[in-house]
Amino acid sequence: MPFLQQETARLQTALQAMAAQQAALTTQLTTQQQAVTAAHTQRTSAQTGVTQAQARVAPLQTAAAAADAQVAEAQQDLQDAAEPPQGVPPATWRARLAALRKNLTLAQTAATAAHAKVTEAQQGVAQAQAQVQAADRQIATATAAVQATQTAIAALQPRRQELQTGLTDLERINTEITRDPLDRAALQQVAAQLSARTATLEESHLVARFELEDAETLLANSITRRNELTTLLDGLATQIPQAEAQAAAAQEALAAAEAEVTALLREGPLSL
């Protein structure tokens, strides 16, 4: 029967297409799972970088604190030597002050460098933490992609089972029709199944026809609305140059009025 042959061919084609789609999704899933693994590896490396960067901060902060203490000590030494002690020649005292000022400058320079290293190390920590956050986002994105692909694969199974069941039923129906001698009870059952399948196909066809009509109506309405908007935009395109010309004329008039007012102000008050 042509109907059974056509239906069998259709179901076989649909099953082959679905098998190809599932194979593609499975390959995609493998790639996505590898991406998740790579993202986790990247996060572990980034977290190690955070730990290492944080470990460098504390010693540098200690060194900066020691440098600050040296600055404070040098400042105190200079303050203590502000007045020349008795019995010390002025030249010796001035040399002592110069040495203390030099020590203070060196201490301040060292402290500035120490604090700069602390800032650099803290920036390194922030950068490493940003890498961890970026890795977390990659993990979330890759995991979501894996879940979406797994959902898509799972969604194929019921449809594939439905197609396989339909193909099995058609093969059984074809077997019963071609059986020799004929089994009347089996043929009656086959006829009932064919009738039910025909009714299902007719209903599907009717639904598809209604959906097509709705789509055509929606398309016609969209085209009408597009034409209305096109007409409106064309009108605006015509009005815009006119509005720009009017604005330019108003600007010129304003400039002329400002010039006239300025000239009047320069001339001074009018005499009566």
Protein backbone atom coordinates (compact mmCIF):
# COMPACT_ATOMS: atom_id res chain seq x y z
CA MET A 1 0.00 0.00 0.00
CA PRO A 2 1.41 3.43 -0.95
CA PHE A 3 0.24 4.95 2.32
CA LEU A 4 2.17 2.43 4.42
CA GLN A 5 5.25 2.79 2.26
CA GLN A 6 5.14 6.57 2.47
CA GLU A 7 4.58 6.56 6.22
CA THR A 8 7.36 4.02 6.72
CA ALA A 9 9.76 6.11 4.64
CA ARG A 10 8.76 9.26 6.50
CA LEU A 11 9.31 7.71 9.91
CA GLN A 12 12.63 6.19 8.87
CA THR A 13 13.79 9.57 7.55
CA ALA A 14 12.69 11.26 10.76
CA LEU A 15 14.51 8.66 12.86
CA GLN A 16 17.69 9.08 10.83
CA ALA A 17 17.51 12.88 11.19
CA MET A 18 16.94 12.54 14.92
CA ALA A 19 19.85 10.11 15.26
CA ALA A 20 22.10 12.60 13.42
CA GLN A 21 20.85 15.41 15.67
CA GLN A 22 21.52 13.35 18.79
CA ALA A 23 25.02 12.46 17.56
CA ALA A 24 25.76 16.14 16.98
CA LEU A 25 24.43 17.03 20.44
CA THR A 26 26.51 14.26 22.01
CA THR A 27 29.65 15.59 20.33
CA GLN A 28 28.73 19.09 21.46
CA LEU A 29 28.16 17.82 25.00
CA THR A 30 31.62 16.24 25.09
CA THR A 31 33.21 19.53 24.00
CA GLN A 32 31.22 21.47 26.58
CA GLN A 33 32.17 19.06 29.36
CA GLN A 34 35.81 19.48 28.40
CA ALA A 35 35.29 23.25 28.62
CA VAL A 36 33.91 22.83 32.16
CA THR A 37 36.94 20.77 33.15
CA ALA A 38 39.29 23.35 31.64
CA ALA A 39 37.47 26.16 33.47
CA HIS A 40 37.82 24.30 36.78
CA THR A 41 41.54 23.81 36.11
CA GLN A 42 41.88 27.50 35.32
CA ARG A 43 40.08 28.41 38.54
CA THR A 44 42.36 26.17 40.60
CA SER A 45 45.38 27.84 39.04
CA ALA A 46 43.90 31.29 39.65
CA GLN A 47 43.13 30.44 43.28
CA THR A 48 46.72 29.28 43.73
CA GLY A 49 47.79 32.64 42.33
CA VAL A 50 45.59 34.40 44.91
CA THR A 51 47.16 32.41 47.74
CA GLN A 52 50.67 33.17 46.53
CA ALA A 53 49.90 36.86 46.01
CA GLN A 54 48.36 37.14 49.49
CA ALA A 55 51.42 35.46 51.00
CA ARG A 56 53.62 38.21 49.55
CA VAL A 57 51.58 41.02 51.09
CA ALA A 58 52.21 40.39 54.80
CA PRO A 59 56.05 40.46 54.68
CA LEU A 60 55.93 43.59 52.54
CA GLN A 61 53.55 45.24 54.99
CA THR A 62 55.96 44.33 57.80
CA ALA A 63 58.84 45.83 55.84
CA ALA A 64 56.80 48.98 55.17
CA ALA A 65 56.00 49.29 58.87
CA ALA A 66 59.70 48.93 59.71
CA ALA A 67 60.54 51.60 57.12
CA ASP A 68 57.93 53.92 58.68
CA ALA A 69 59.53 53.29 62.08
CA GLN A 70 62.93 54.25 60.67
CA VAL A 71 61.40 57.45 59.27
CA ALA A 72 59.91 58.26 62.68
CA GLU A 73 63.23 57.55 64.36
CA ALA A 74 65.11 59.74 61.88
CA GLN A 75 62.58 62.54 62.41
CA GLN A 76 62.99 62.25 66.18
CA ASP A 77 66.78 62.29 65.87
CA LEU A 78 66.57 65.42 63.75
CA GLN A 79 64.16 67.02 66.20
CA ASP A 80 66.44 66.19 69.15
CA ALA A 81 69.35 67.80 67.34
CA ALA A 82 67.46 70.99 66.55
CA GLU A 83 69.49 72.94 69.14
CA PRO A 84 73.30 72.69 69.31
CA PRO A 85 74.45 70.97 72.49
CA GLN A 86 76.87 72.76 74.75
CA GLY A 87 80.50 72.27 73.97
CA VAL A 88 79.91 71.17 70.35
CA PRO A 89 81.47 73.40 67.71
CA PRO A 90 78.92 74.96 65.32
CA ALA A 91 80.55 73.35 62.27
CA THR A 92 80.31 69.93 63.88
CA TRP A 93 76.69 70.56 64.81
CA ARG A 94 75.81 71.64 61.25
CA ALA A 95 77.54 68.56 59.85
CA ARG A 96 75.52 66.46 62.29
CA LEU A 97 72.28 68.12 61.14
CA ALA A 98 73.18 67.53 57.49
CA ALA A 99 73.82 63.85 58.20
CA LEU A 100 70.51 63.53 60.08
CA ARG A 101 68.61 65.23 57.25
CA LYS A 102 70.24 62.87 54.76
CA ASN A 103 69.28 59.87 56.92
CA LEU A 104 65.69 61.14 57.07
CA THR A 105 65.55 61.57 53.29
CA LEU A 106 66.92 58.07 52.76
CA ALA A 107 64.45 56.63 55.27
CA GLN A 108 61.53 58.43 53.60
CA THR A 109 62.64 57.19 50.19
CA ALA A 110 62.90 53.64 51.51
CA ALA A 111 59.47 53.91 53.15
CA THR A 112 57.93 55.20 49.93
CA ALA A 113 59.45 52.30 48.00
CA ALA A 114 58.25 49.81 50.64
CA HIS A 115 54.68 51.13 50.49
CA ALA A 116 54.81 51.03 46.69
CA LYS A 117 55.73 47.34 46.88
CA VAL A 118 52.80 46.75 49.25
CA THR A 119 50.46 48.50 46.82
CA GLU A 120 51.83 46.47 43.92
CA ALA A 121 51.38 43.24 45.87
CA GLN A 122 47.81 44.18 46.80
CA GLN A 123 47.09 44.93 43.15
CA GLY A 124 48.47 41.49 42.33
CA VAL A 125 46.02 39.99 44.81
CA ALA A 126 43.15 41.92 43.23
CA GLN A 127 44.16 40.78 39.76
CA ALA A 128 44.41 37.17 40.90
CA GLN A 129 40.98 37.43 42.55
CA ALA A 130 39.59 38.88 39.32
CA GLN A 131 40.97 35.87 37.47
CA VAL A 132 39.21 33.59 39.96
CA GLN A 133 35.95 35.46 39.40
CA ALA A 134 36.41 35.23 35.63
CA ALA A 135 37.01 31.50 35.96
CA ASP A 136 33.85 31.20 38.08
CA ARG A 137 31.87 32.94 35.34
CA GLN A 138 33.35 30.61 32.75
CA ILE A 139 32.43 27.62 34.89
CA ALA A 140 28.86 28.89 35.27
CA THR A 141 28.53 29.55 31.54
CA ALA A 142 30.03 26.20 30.55
CA THR A 143 27.93 24.34 33.12
CA ALA A 144 24.75 26.03 31.87
CA ALA A 145 25.68 25.03 28.31
CA VAL A 146 26.19 21.42 29.41
CA GLN A 147 22.83 21.37 31.18
CA ALA A 148 21.09 22.87 28.14
CA THR A 149 22.61 20.25 25.84
CA GLN A 150 21.72 17.45 28.26
CA THR A 151 18.14 18.77 28.36
CA ALA A 152 18.03 18.85 24.56
CA ILE A 153 19.30 15.26 24.36
CA ALA A 154 16.77 14.12 26.95
CA ALA A 155 13.99 15.88 25.03
CA LEU A 156 14.82 13.83 21.93
CA GLN A 157 14.22 10.51 23.65
CA PRO A 158 10.39 10.62 23.90
CA ARG A 159 10.06 11.75 20.29
CA ARG A 160 12.51 9.12 19.12
CA GLN A 161 10.63 6.45 21.07
CA GLU A 162 7.38 7.67 19.57
CA LEU A 163 8.78 7.44 16.04
CA GLN A 164 10.25 4.01 16.70
CA THR A 165 6.92 2.78 18.08
CA GLY A 166 5.09 4.15 15.03
CA LEU A 167 7.58 2.45 12.69
CA THR A 168 7.18 -0.84 14.55
CA ASP A 169 3.39 -0.58 14.30
CA LEU A 170 3.59 0.09 10.56
CA GLU A 171 5.86 -2.88 10.04
CA ARG A 172 3.46 -5.10 11.99
CA ILE A 173 0.50 -3.73 10.02
CA ASN A 174 2.28 -4.40 6.75
CA THR A 175 3.11 -7.92 7.94
CA GLU A 176 -0.54 -8.64 8.75
CA ILE A 177 -1.74 -7.26 5.40
CA THR A 178 0.68 -9.37 3.42
CA ARG A 179 0.15 -12.50 5.53
CA ASP A 180 -0.94 -15.60 3.62
CA PRO A 181 -3.44 -16.94 4.59
CA LEU A 182 -5.07 -13.82 5.96
CA ASP A 183 -5.93 -13.59 9.66
CA ARG A 184 -9.35 -11.90 9.79
CA ALA A 185 -9.11 -10.90 13.45
CA ALA A 186 -5.63 -9.46 12.94
CA LEU A 187 -6.81 -7.59 9.83
CA GLN A 188 -9.71 -6.08 11.74
CA GLN A 189 -7.30 -4.88 14.40
CA VAL A 190 -4.99 -3.50 11.72
CA ALA A 191 -7.90 -1.70 10.08
CA ALA A 192 -8.86 -0.13 13.37
CA GLN A 193 -5.27 1.04 13.91
CA LEU A 194 -5.06 2.43 10.39
CA SER A 195 -8.33 4.26 10.92
CA ALA A 196 -7.09 5.75 14.18
CA ARG A 197 -3.80 6.74 12.59
CA THR A 198 -5.62 8.33 9.66
CA ALA A 199 -7.81 10.30 12.06
CA THR A 200 -4.72 11.47 13.95
CA LEU A 201 -3.06 12.56 10.71
CA GLU A 202 -6.21 14.38 9.59
CA GLU A 203 -6.42 16.19 12.93
CA SER A 204 -2.74 17.14 12.70
CA HIS A 205 -3.30 18.39 9.17
CA LEU A 206 -6.29 20.45 10.31
CA VAL A 207 -4.32 21.98 13.20
CA ALA A 208 -1.45 22.77 10.85
CA ARG A 209 -3.84 24.41 8.40
CA PHE A 210 -5.34 26.61 11.15
CA GLU A 211 -1.85 27.53 12.37
CA LEU A 212 -0.90 28.44 8.81
CA GLU A 213 -3.98 30.64 8.49
CA ASP A 214 -3.15 32.38 11.77
CA ALA A 215 0.43 32.90 10.63
CA GLU A 216 -0.72 34.34 7.31
CA THR A 217 -3.08 36.73 9.13
CA LEU A 218 -0.29 37.80 11.47
CA LEU A 219 2.04 38.30 8.52
CA ALA A 220 -0.55 40.42 6.69
CA ASN A 221 -1.08 42.56 9.79
CA SER A 222 2.68 42.95 10.22
CA ILE A 223 3.06 44.02 6.59
CA THR A 224 0.26 46.57 7.02
CA ARG A 225 1.86 47.94 10.17
CA ARG A 226 5.24 48.07 8.45
CA ASN A 227 3.74 50.08 5.59
CA GLU A 228 2.15 52.49 8.08
CA LEU A 229 5.45 52.97 9.87
CA THR A 230 7.27 53.43 6.56
CA THR A 231 4.81 56.16 5.57
CA LEU A 232 5.25 57.81 8.98
CA LEU A 233 9.04 57.68 8.72
CA ASP A 234 8.91 59.13 5.20
CA GLY A 235 6.83 62.02 6.55
CA LEU A 236 9.30 62.59 9.38
CA ALA A 237 12.18 62.50 6.93
CA THR A 238 10.47 65.34 5.02
CA GLN A 239 9.75 67.37 8.17
CA ILE A 240 13.21 67.10 9.70
CA PRO A 241 15.00 69.30 7.10
CA GLN A 242 12.23 71.88 7.46
CA ALA A 243 12.58 71.86 11.24
CA GLU A 244 16.36 72.16 10.94
CA ALA A 245 15.95 75.14 8.58
CA GLN A 246 13.55 76.80 11.01
CA ALA A 247 15.95 76.20 13.89
CA ALA A 248 18.82 77.68 11.88
CA ALA A 249 16.71 80.75 11.04
CA ALA A 250 15.77 81.16 14.70
CA GLN A 251 19.42 80.88 15.67
CA GLU A 252 20.35 83.55 13.15
CA ALA A 253 17.58 85.83 14.43
CA LEU A 254 18.78 85.31 18.01
CA ALA A 255 22.36 86.13 16.99
CA ALA A 256 21.17 89.28 15.24
CA ALA A 257 19.17 90.32 18.32
CA GLU A 258 22.15 89.73 20.58
CA ALA A 259 24.33 91.83 18.25
CA GLU A 260 21.77 94.64 18.28
CA VAL A 261 21.54 94.58 22.08
CA THR A 262 25.32 94.63 22.36
CA ALA A 263 25.52 97.61 19.99
CA LEU A 264 22.91 99.49 21.99
CA LEU A 265 24.72 98.82 25.24
CA ARG A 266 27.94 100.12 23.76
CA GLU A 267 26.23 103.33 22.60
CA GLY A 268 25.13 104.04 26.15
CA PRO A 269 21.74 105.24 27.46
CA LEU A 270 19.48 107.09 25.07
CA SER A 271 19.07 110.82 25.64
CA LEU A 272 15.56 112.13 25.96
